[in-house]
Amino acid sequence: MPRLILPFAKRGLVPKRFSARAGSEPGWLTIWVEAELSDDAAANSIASNLRGILCVDAVLLEETRRLPRRRERSFGAFAAG
């Protein structure tokens, strides 16, 4: 799990929420990270970095707009343990 936080830390970001739970397959984890990011390029770059991690099978990126100037993005990663 520390590897999944690294792309955020390199940008000086602290995720708002981080959760992990056992996946449907033995030895797998489903991990969700929620962070406030100002632009799409940063979100896409972090998602790309997450996809490059050896144990990560897939990354989903979801955008939620709460206020006109604040965008929250959730990153879902499915990783083998």
PDB file of N, CA and C in Angstrom:
ATOM      1  N   MET A   1       0.802  -1.202   0.000  1.00  0.00           N
ATOM      2  CA  MET A   1       0.000   0.000   0.000  1.00  0.00           C
ATOM      3  C   MET A   1       0.851   1.275   0.000  1.00  0.00           C
ATOM      4  N   PRO A   2       2.011   1.283   0.619  1.00  0.00           N
ATOM      5  CA  PRO A   2       2.812   2.512   0.556  1.00  0.00           C
ATOM      6  C   PRO A   2       3.167   2.921  -0.871  1.00  0.00           C
ATOM      7  N   ARG A   3       3.334   1.947  -1.764  1.00  0.00           N
ATOM      8  CA  ARG A   3       3.634   2.279  -3.166  1.00  0.00           C
ATOM      9  C   ARG A   3       2.492   3.049  -3.824  1.00  0.00           C
ATOM     10  N   LEU A   4       1.268   2.812  -3.369  1.00  0.00           N
ATOM     11  CA  LEU A   4       0.122   3.492  -3.962  1.00  0.00           C
ATOM     12  C   LEU A   4      -0.013   4.937  -3.482  1.00  0.00           C
ATOM     13  N   ILE A   5       0.601   5.259  -2.357  1.00  0.00           N
ATOM     14  CA  ILE A   5       0.572   6.622  -1.837  1.00  0.00           C
ATOM     15  C   ILE A   5       1.695   7.462  -2.442  1.00  0.00           C
ATOM     16  N   LEU A   6       2.758   6.827  -2.887  1.00  0.00           N
ATOM     17  CA  LEU A   6       3.934   7.527  -3.385  1.00  0.00           C
ATOM     18  C   LEU A   6       3.641   8.549  -4.492  1.00  0.00           C
ATOM     19  N   PRO A   7       2.833   8.228  -5.528  1.00  0.00           N
ATOM     20  CA  PRO A   7       2.573   9.239  -6.558  1.00  0.00           C
ATOM     21  C   PRO A   7       1.908  10.515  -6.007  1.00  0.00           C
ATOM     22  N   PHE A   8       1.145  10.383  -4.948  1.00  0.00           N
ATOM     23  CA  PHE A   8       0.530  11.552  -4.320  1.00  0.00           C
ATOM     24  C   PHE A   8       1.583  12.331  -3.527  1.00  0.00           C
ATOM     25  N   ALA A   9       2.400  11.600  -2.767  1.00  0.00           N
ATOM     26  CA  ALA A   9       3.424  12.231  -1.933  1.00  0.00           C
ATOM     27  C   ALA A   9       4.449  12.993  -2.775  1.00  0.00           C
ATOM     28  N   LYS A  10       4.792  12.474  -3.941  1.00  0.00           N
ATOM     29  CA  LYS A  10       5.751  13.154  -4.818  1.00  0.00           C
ATOM     30  C   LYS A  10       5.248  14.523  -5.258  1.00  0.00           C
ATOM     31  N   ARG A  11       3.948  14.712  -5.247  1.00  0.00           N
ATOM     32  CA  ARG A  11       3.348  15.996  -5.635  1.00  0.00           C
ATOM     33  C   ARG A  11       2.952  16.834  -4.419  1.00  0.00           C
ATOM     34  N   GLY A  12       3.338  16.363  -3.242  1.00  0.00           N
ATOM     35  CA  GLY A  12       3.010  17.087  -2.016  1.00  0.00           C
ATOM     36  C   GLY A  12       1.547  17.005  -1.643  1.00  0.00           C
ATOM     37  N   LEU A  13       0.856  15.963  -2.107  1.00  0.00           N
ATOM     38  CA  LEU A  13      -0.570  15.797  -1.840  1.00  0.00           C
ATOM     39  C   LEU A  13      -0.809  14.771  -0.735  1.00  0.00           C
ATOM     40  N   VAL A  14      -1.802  15.039   0.066  1.00  0.00           N
ATOM     41  CA  VAL A  14      -2.239  14.079   1.079  1.00  0.00           C
ATOM     42  C   VAL A  14      -3.665  13.676   0.706  1.00  0.00           C
ATOM     43  N   PRO A  15      -3.896  12.401   0.396  1.00  0.00           N
ATOM     44  CA  PRO A  15      -5.250  11.974   0.034  1.00  0.00           C
ATOM     45  C   PRO A  15      -6.244  12.257   1.156  1.00  0.00           C
ATOM     46  N   LYS A  16      -7.458  12.623   0.760  1.00  0.00           N
ATOM     47  CA  LYS A  16      -8.532  12.849   1.735  1.00  0.00           C
ATOM     48  C   LYS A  16      -8.972  11.544   2.372  1.00  0.00           C
ATOM     49  N   ARG A  17      -8.961  10.492   1.581  1.00  0.00           N
ATOM     50  CA  ARG A  17      -9.453   9.198   2.051  1.00  0.00           C
ATOM     51  C   ARG A  17      -8.649   8.083   1.378  1.00  0.00           C
ATOM     52  N   PHE A  18      -8.359   7.060   2.154  1.00  0.00           N
ATOM     53  CA  PHE A  18      -7.648   5.889   1.653  1.00  0.00           C
ATOM     54  C   PHE A  18      -8.280   4.682   2.316  1.00  0.00           C
ATOM     55  N   SER A  19      -8.751   3.746   1.543  1.00  0.00           N
ATOM     56  CA  SER A  19      -9.341   2.541   2.128  1.00  0.00           C
ATOM     57  C   SER A  19      -8.920   1.322   1.321  1.00  0.00           C
ATOM     58  N   ALA A  20      -8.808   0.220   2.011  1.00  0.00           N
ATOM     59  CA  ALA A  20      -8.448  -1.038   1.359  1.00  0.00           C
ATOM     60  C   ALA A  20      -9.284  -2.150   1.961  1.00  0.00           C
ATOM     61  N   ARG A  21      -9.644  -3.103   1.131  1.00  0.00           N
ATOM     62  CA  ARG A  21     -10.385  -4.269   1.627  1.00  0.00           C
ATOM     63  C   ARG A  21      -9.998  -5.465   0.774  1.00  0.00           C
ATOM     64  N   ALA A  22     -10.229  -6.614   1.324  1.00  0.00           N
ATOM     65  CA  ALA A  22      -9.932  -7.845   0.592  1.00  0.00           C
ATOM     66  C   ALA A  22     -10.804  -7.913  -0.651  1.00  0.00           C
ATOM     67  N   GLY A  23     -10.204  -8.317  -1.748  1.00  0.00           N
ATOM     68  CA  GLY A  23     -10.932  -8.427  -3.002  1.00  0.00           C
ATOM     69  C   GLY A  23     -11.738  -9.711  -3.078  1.00  0.00           C
ATOM     70  N   SER A  24     -12.420  -9.894  -4.178  1.00  0.00           N
ATOM     71  CA  SER A  24     -13.246 -11.087  -4.353  1.00  0.00           C
ATOM     72  C   SER A  24     -12.398 -12.334  -4.591  1.00  0.00           C
ATOM     73  N   GLU A  25     -11.168 -12.153  -5.083  1.00  0.00           N
ATOM     74  CA  GLU A  25     -10.255 -13.272  -5.305  1.00  0.00           C
ATOM     75  C   GLU A  25      -9.268 -13.346  -4.137  1.00  0.00           C
ATOM     76  N   PRO A  26      -8.892 -14.527  -3.698  1.00  0.00           N
ATOM     77  CA  PRO A  26      -7.915 -14.657  -2.613  1.00  0.00           C
ATOM     78  C   PRO A  26      -6.587 -13.976  -2.975  1.00  0.00           C
ATOM     79  N   GLY A  27      -6.029 -13.231  -2.041  1.00  0.00           N
ATOM     80  CA  GLY A  27      -4.752 -12.568  -2.264  1.00  0.00           C
ATOM     81  C   GLY A  27      -4.845 -11.228  -2.967  1.00  0.00           C
ATOM     82  N   TRP A  28      -6.045 -10.769  -3.285  1.00  0.00           N
ATOM     83  CA  TRP A  28      -6.227  -9.492  -3.982  1.00  0.00           C
ATOM     84  C   TRP A  28      -6.803  -8.452  -3.037  1.00  0.00           C
ATOM     85  N   LEU A  29      -6.489  -7.190  -3.299  1.00  0.00           N
ATOM     86  CA  LEU A  29      -7.025  -6.065  -2.544  1.00  0.00           C
ATOM     87  C   LEU A  29      -7.729  -5.105  -3.491  1.00  0.00           C
ATOM     88  N   THR A  30      -8.772  -4.470  -2.999  1.00  0.00           N
ATOM     89  CA  THR A  30      -9.407  -3.365  -3.708  1.00  0.00           C
ATOM     90  C   THR A  30      -9.110  -2.124  -2.879  1.00  0.00           C
ATOM     91  N   ILE A  31      -8.497  -1.135  -3.491  1.00  0.00           N
ATOM     92  CA  ILE A  31      -8.041   0.050  -2.785  1.00  0.00           C
ATOM     93  C   ILE A  31      -8.644   1.290  -3.437  1.00  0.00           C
ATOM     94  N   TRP A  32      -9.174   2.190  -2.604  1.00  0.00           N
ATOM     95  CA  TRP A  32      -9.736   3.448  -3.094  1.00  0.00           C
ATOM     96  C   TRP A  32      -8.991   4.597  -2.448  1.00  0.00           C
ATOM     97  N   VAL A  33      -8.588   5.554  -3.255  1.00  0.00           N
ATOM     98  CA  VAL A  33      -7.897   6.747  -2.772  1.00  0.00           C
ATOM     99  C   VAL A  33      -8.659   7.949  -3.299  1.00  0.00           C
ATOM    100  N   GLU A  34      -9.013   8.883  -2.422  1.00  0.00           N
ATOM    101  CA  GLU A  34      -9.723  10.084  -2.830  1.00  0.00           C
ATOM    102  C   GLU A  34      -8.835  11.293  -2.562  1.00  0.00           C
ATOM    103  N   ALA A  35      -8.689  12.155  -3.570  1.00  0.00           N
ATOM    104  CA  ALA A  35      -7.821  13.319  -3.432  1.00  0.00           C
ATOM    105  C   ALA A  35      -8.419  14.511  -4.176  1.00  0.00           C
ATOM    106  N   GLU A  36      -8.137  15.713  -3.673  1.00  0.00           N
ATOM    107  CA  GLU A  36      -8.522  16.937  -4.365  1.00  0.00           C
ATOM    108  C   GLU A  36      -7.378  17.334  -5.275  1.00  0.00           C
ATOM    109  N   LEU A  37      -7.665  17.436  -6.568  1.00  0.00           N
ATOM    110  CA  LEU A  37      -6.652  17.818  -7.546  1.00  0.00           C
ATOM    111  C   LEU A  37      -7.192  18.956  -8.392  1.00  0.00           C
ATOM    112  N   SER A  38      -6.327  19.883  -8.752  1.00  0.00           N
ATOM    113  CA  SER A  38      -6.772  21.078  -9.456  1.00  0.00           C
ATOM    114  C   SER A  38      -6.959  20.882 -10.955  1.00  0.00           C
ATOM    115  N   ASP A  39      -6.288  19.902 -11.540  1.00  0.00           N
ATOM    116  CA  ASP A  39      -6.418  19.756 -12.992  1.00  0.00           C
ATOM    117  C   ASP A  39      -6.430  18.298 -13.435  1.00  0.00           C
ATOM    118  N   ASP A  40      -6.918  18.115 -14.652  1.00  0.00           N
ATOM    119  CA  ASP A  40      -7.027  16.765 -15.219  1.00  0.00           C
ATOM    120  C   ASP A  40      -5.664  16.146 -15.486  1.00  0.00           C
ATOM    121  N   ALA A  41      -4.678  16.974 -15.865  1.00  0.00           N
ATOM    122  CA  ALA A  41      -3.348  16.448 -16.178  1.00  0.00           C
ATOM    123  C   ALA A  41      -2.730  15.771 -14.955  1.00  0.00           C
ATOM    124  N   ALA A  42      -2.879  16.373 -13.784  1.00  0.00           N
ATOM    125  CA  ALA A  42      -2.341  15.771 -12.558  1.00  0.00           C
ATOM    126  C   ALA A  42      -3.043  14.452 -12.262  1.00  0.00           C
ATOM    127  N   ALA A  43      -4.350  14.418 -12.408  1.00  0.00           N
ATOM    128  CA  ALA A  43      -5.110  13.194 -12.151  1.00  0.00           C
ATOM    129  C   ALA A  43      -4.694  12.084 -13.115  1.00  0.00           C
ATOM    130  N   ASN A  44      -4.562  12.411 -14.379  1.00  0.00           N
ATOM    131  CA  ASN A  44      -4.162  11.406 -15.366  1.00  0.00           C
ATOM    132  C   ASN A  44      -2.734  10.926 -15.134  1.00  0.00           C
ATOM    133  N   SER A  45      -1.857  11.828 -14.718  1.00  0.00           N
ATOM    134  CA  SER A  45      -0.474  11.454 -14.428  1.00  0.00           C
ATOM    135  C   SER A  45      -0.399  10.496 -13.237  1.00  0.00           C
ATOM    136  N   ILE A  46      -1.147  10.787 -12.180  1.00  0.00           N
ATOM    137  CA  ILE A  46      -1.165   9.903 -11.012  1.00  0.00           C
ATOM    138  C   ILE A  46      -1.748   8.548 -11.385  1.00  0.00           C
ATOM    139  N   ALA A  47      -2.836   8.538 -12.142  1.00  0.00           N
ATOM    140  CA  ALA A  47      -3.444   7.274 -12.572  1.00  0.00           C
ATOM    141  C   ALA A  47      -2.442   6.460 -13.397  1.00  0.00           C
ATOM    142  N   SER A  48      -1.696   7.130 -14.265  1.00  0.00           N
ATOM    143  CA  SER A  48      -0.688   6.439 -15.074  1.00  0.00           C
ATOM    144  C   SER A  48       0.408   5.851 -14.193  1.00  0.00           C
ATOM    145  N   ASN A  49       0.842   6.613 -13.187  1.00  0.00           N
ATOM    146  CA  ASN A  49       1.858   6.104 -12.258  1.00  0.00           C
ATOM    147  C   ASN A  49       1.344   4.885 -11.491  1.00  0.00           C
ATOM    148  N   LEU A  50       0.089   4.928 -11.067  1.00  0.00           N
ATOM    149  CA  LEU A  50      -0.492   3.796 -10.348  1.00  0.00           C
ATOM    150  C   LEU A  50      -0.544   2.555 -11.231  1.00  0.00           C
ATOM    151  N   ARG A  51      -0.875   2.753 -12.507  1.00  0.00           N
ATOM    152  CA  ARG A  51      -0.947   1.617 -13.441  1.00  0.00           C
ATOM    153  C   ARG A  51       0.425   0.983 -13.654  1.00  0.00           C
ATOM    154  N   GLY A  52       1.489   1.760 -13.477  1.00  0.00           N
ATOM    155  CA  GLY A  52       2.844   1.261 -13.688  1.00  0.00           C
ATOM    156  C   GLY A  52       3.405   0.462 -12.518  1.00  0.00           C
ATOM    157  N   ILE A  53       2.683   0.432 -11.408  1.00  0.00           N
ATOM    158  CA  ILE A  53       3.152  -0.325 -10.246  1.00  0.00           C
ATOM    159  C   ILE A  53       2.951  -1.810 -10.524  1.00  0.00           C
ATOM    160  N   LEU A  54       3.974  -2.586 -10.266  1.00  0.00           N
ATOM    161  CA  LEU A  54       3.998  -4.001 -10.640  1.00  0.00           C
ATOM    162  C   LEU A  54       2.781  -4.795 -10.173  1.00  0.00           C
ATOM    163  N   CYS A  55       2.350  -4.618  -8.954  1.00  0.00           N
ATOM    164  CA  CYS A  55       1.269  -5.445  -8.416  1.00  0.00           C
ATOM    165  C   CYS A  55      -0.125  -4.925  -8.779  1.00  0.00           C
ATOM    166  N   VAL A  56      -0.222  -3.769  -9.428  1.00  0.00           N
ATOM    167  CA  VAL A  56      -1.524  -3.184  -9.757  1.00  0.00           C
ATOM    168  C   VAL A  56      -2.035  -3.776 -11.062  1.00  0.00           C
ATOM    169  N   ASP A  57      -3.255  -4.294 -11.018  1.00  0.00           N
ATOM    170  CA  ASP A  57      -3.874  -4.912 -12.185  1.00  0.00           C
ATOM    171  C   ASP A  57      -4.686  -3.900 -12.989  1.00  0.00           C
ATOM    172  N   ALA A  58      -5.384  -2.988 -12.316  1.00  0.00           N
ATOM    173  CA  ALA A  58      -6.224  -2.012 -13.006  1.00  0.00           C
ATOM    174  C   ALA A  58      -6.397  -0.779 -12.137  1.00  0.00           C
ATOM    175  N   VAL A  59      -6.593   0.371 -12.779  1.00  0.00           N
ATOM    176  CA  VAL A  59      -6.845   1.631 -12.076  1.00  0.00           C
ATOM    177  C   VAL A  59      -8.033   2.308 -12.735  1.00  0.00           C
ATOM    178  N   LEU A  60      -8.983   2.729 -11.930  1.00  0.00           N
ATOM    179  CA  LEU A  60     -10.144   3.466 -12.405  1.00  0.00           C
ATOM    180  C   LEU A  60     -10.043   4.879 -11.863  1.00  0.00           C
ATOM    181  N   LEU A  61     -10.404   5.875 -12.663  1.00  0.00           N
ATOM    182  CA  LEU A  61     -10.351   7.270 -12.252  1.00  0.00           C
ATOM    183  C   LEU A  61     -11.747   7.856 -12.355  1.00  0.00           C
ATOM    184  N   GLU A  62     -12.219   8.446 -11.284  1.00  0.00           N
ATOM    185  CA  GLU A  62     -13.570   9.009 -11.238  1.00  0.00           C
ATOM    186  C   GLU A  62     -13.492  10.445 -10.736  1.00  0.00           C
ATOM    187  N   GLU A  63     -14.203  11.342 -11.386  1.00  0.00           N
ATOM    188  CA  GLU A  63     -14.202  12.749 -10.976  1.00  0.00           C
ATOM    189  C   GLU A  63     -15.547  13.117 -10.371  1.00  0.00           C
ATOM    190  N   THR A  64     -15.501  13.837  -9.264  1.00  0.00           N
ATOM    191  CA  THR A  64     -16.705  14.329  -8.600  1.00  0.00           C
ATOM    192  C   THR A  64     -16.541  15.819  -8.379  1.00  0.00           C
ATOM    193  N   ARG A  65     -17.511  16.592  -8.808  1.00  0.00           N
ATOM    194  CA  ARG A  65     -17.464  18.034  -8.576  1.00  0.00           C
ATOM    195  C   ARG A  65     -18.392  18.372  -7.428  1.00  0.00           C
ATOM    196  N   ARG A  66     -17.813  18.884  -6.357  1.00  0.00           N
ATOM    197  CA  ARG A  66     -18.609  19.246  -5.181  1.00  0.00           C
ATOM    198  C   ARG A  66     -18.954  20.724  -5.189  1.00  0.00           C
ATOM    199  N   LEU A  67     -18.005  21.550  -5.535  1.00  0.00           N
ATOM    200  CA  LEU A  67     -18.194  22.991  -5.654  1.00  0.00           C
ATOM    201  C   LEU A  67     -17.606  23.405  -6.998  1.00  0.00           C
ATOM    202  N   PRO A  68     -17.994  24.562  -7.535  1.00  0.00           N
ATOM    203  CA  PRO A  68     -17.488  24.943  -8.860  1.00  0.00           C
ATOM    204  C   PRO A  68     -15.961  24.933  -8.972  1.00  0.00           C
ATOM    205  N   ARG A  69     -15.247  25.258  -7.906  1.00  0.00           N
ATOM    206  CA  ARG A  69     -13.788  25.334  -7.999  1.00  0.00           C
ATOM    207  C   ARG A  69     -13.069  24.132  -7.424  1.00  0.00           C
ATOM    208  N   ARG A  70     -13.768  23.234  -6.779  1.00  0.00           N
ATOM    209  CA  ARG A  70     -13.126  22.076  -6.160  1.00  0.00           C
ATOM    210  C   ARG A  70     -13.534  20.799  -6.872  1.00  0.00           C
ATOM    211  N   ARG A  71     -12.555  20.064  -7.284  1.00  0.00           N
ATOM    212  CA  ARG A  71     -12.814  18.767  -7.917  1.00  0.00           C
ATOM    213  C   ARG A  71     -12.163  17.687  -7.085  1.00  0.00           C
ATOM    214  N   GLU A  72     -12.891  16.659  -6.831  1.00  0.00           N
ATOM    215  CA  GLU A  72     -12.346  15.514  -6.121  1.00  0.00           C
ATOM    216  C   GLU A  72     -12.275  14.355  -7.090  1.00  0.00           C
ATOM    217  N   ARG A  73     -11.206  13.629  -7.012  1.00  0.00           N
ATOM    218  CA  ARG A  73     -11.047  12.478  -7.875  1.00  0.00           C
ATOM    219  C   ARG A  73     -10.782  11.251  -7.016  1.00  0.00           C
ATOM    220  N   SER A  74     -11.396  10.179  -7.384  1.00  0.00           N
ATOM    221  CA  SER A  74     -11.189   8.920  -6.680  1.00  0.00           C
ATOM    222  C   SER A  74     -10.415   7.992  -7.597  1.00  0.00           C
ATOM    223  N   PHE A  75      -9.421   7.346  -7.047  1.00  0.00           N
ATOM    224  CA  PHE A  75      -8.611   6.394  -7.774  1.00  0.00           C
ATOM    225  C   PHE A  75      -8.891   5.024  -7.185  1.00  0.00           C
ATOM    226  N   GLY A  76      -9.336   4.108  -7.995  1.00  0.00           N
ATOM    227  CA  GLY A  76      -9.549   2.734  -7.537  1.00  0.00           C
ATOM    228  C   GLY A  76      -8.463   1.855  -8.119  1.00  0.00           C
ATOM    229  N   ALA A  77      -7.796   1.114  -7.276  1.00  0.00           N
ATOM    230  CA  ALA A  77      -6.730   0.226  -7.746  1.00  0.00           C
ATOM    231  C   ALA A  77      -7.040  -1.186  -7.296  1.00  0.00           C
ATOM    232  N   PHE A  78      -6.843  -2.112  -8.163  1.00  0.00           N
ATOM    233  CA  PHE A  78      -7.044  -3.518  -7.859  1.00  0.00           C
ATOM    234  C   PHE A  78      -5.671  -4.180  -7.892  1.00  0.00           C
ATOM    235  N   ALA A  79      -5.189  -4.597  -6.752  1.00  0.00           N
ATOM    236  CA  ALA A  79      -3.811  -5.058  -6.652  1.00  0.00           C
ATOM    237  C   ALA A  79      -3.723  -6.464  -6.079  1.00  0.00           C
ATOM    238  N   ALA A  80      -2.730  -7.200  -6.563  1.00  0.00           N
ATOM    239  CA  ALA A  80      -2.460  -8.524  -6.028  1.00  0.00           C
ATOM    240  C   ALA A  80      -1.608  -8.378  -4.784  1.00  0.00           C
ATOM    241  N   GLY A  81      -1.890  -9.180  -3.776  1.00  0.00           N
ATOM    242  CA  GLY A  81      -1.134  -9.100  -2.524  1.00  0.00           C
ATOM    243  C   GLY A  81       0.005  -9.973  -2.543  1.00  0.00           C
TER     244      GLY A  81
END
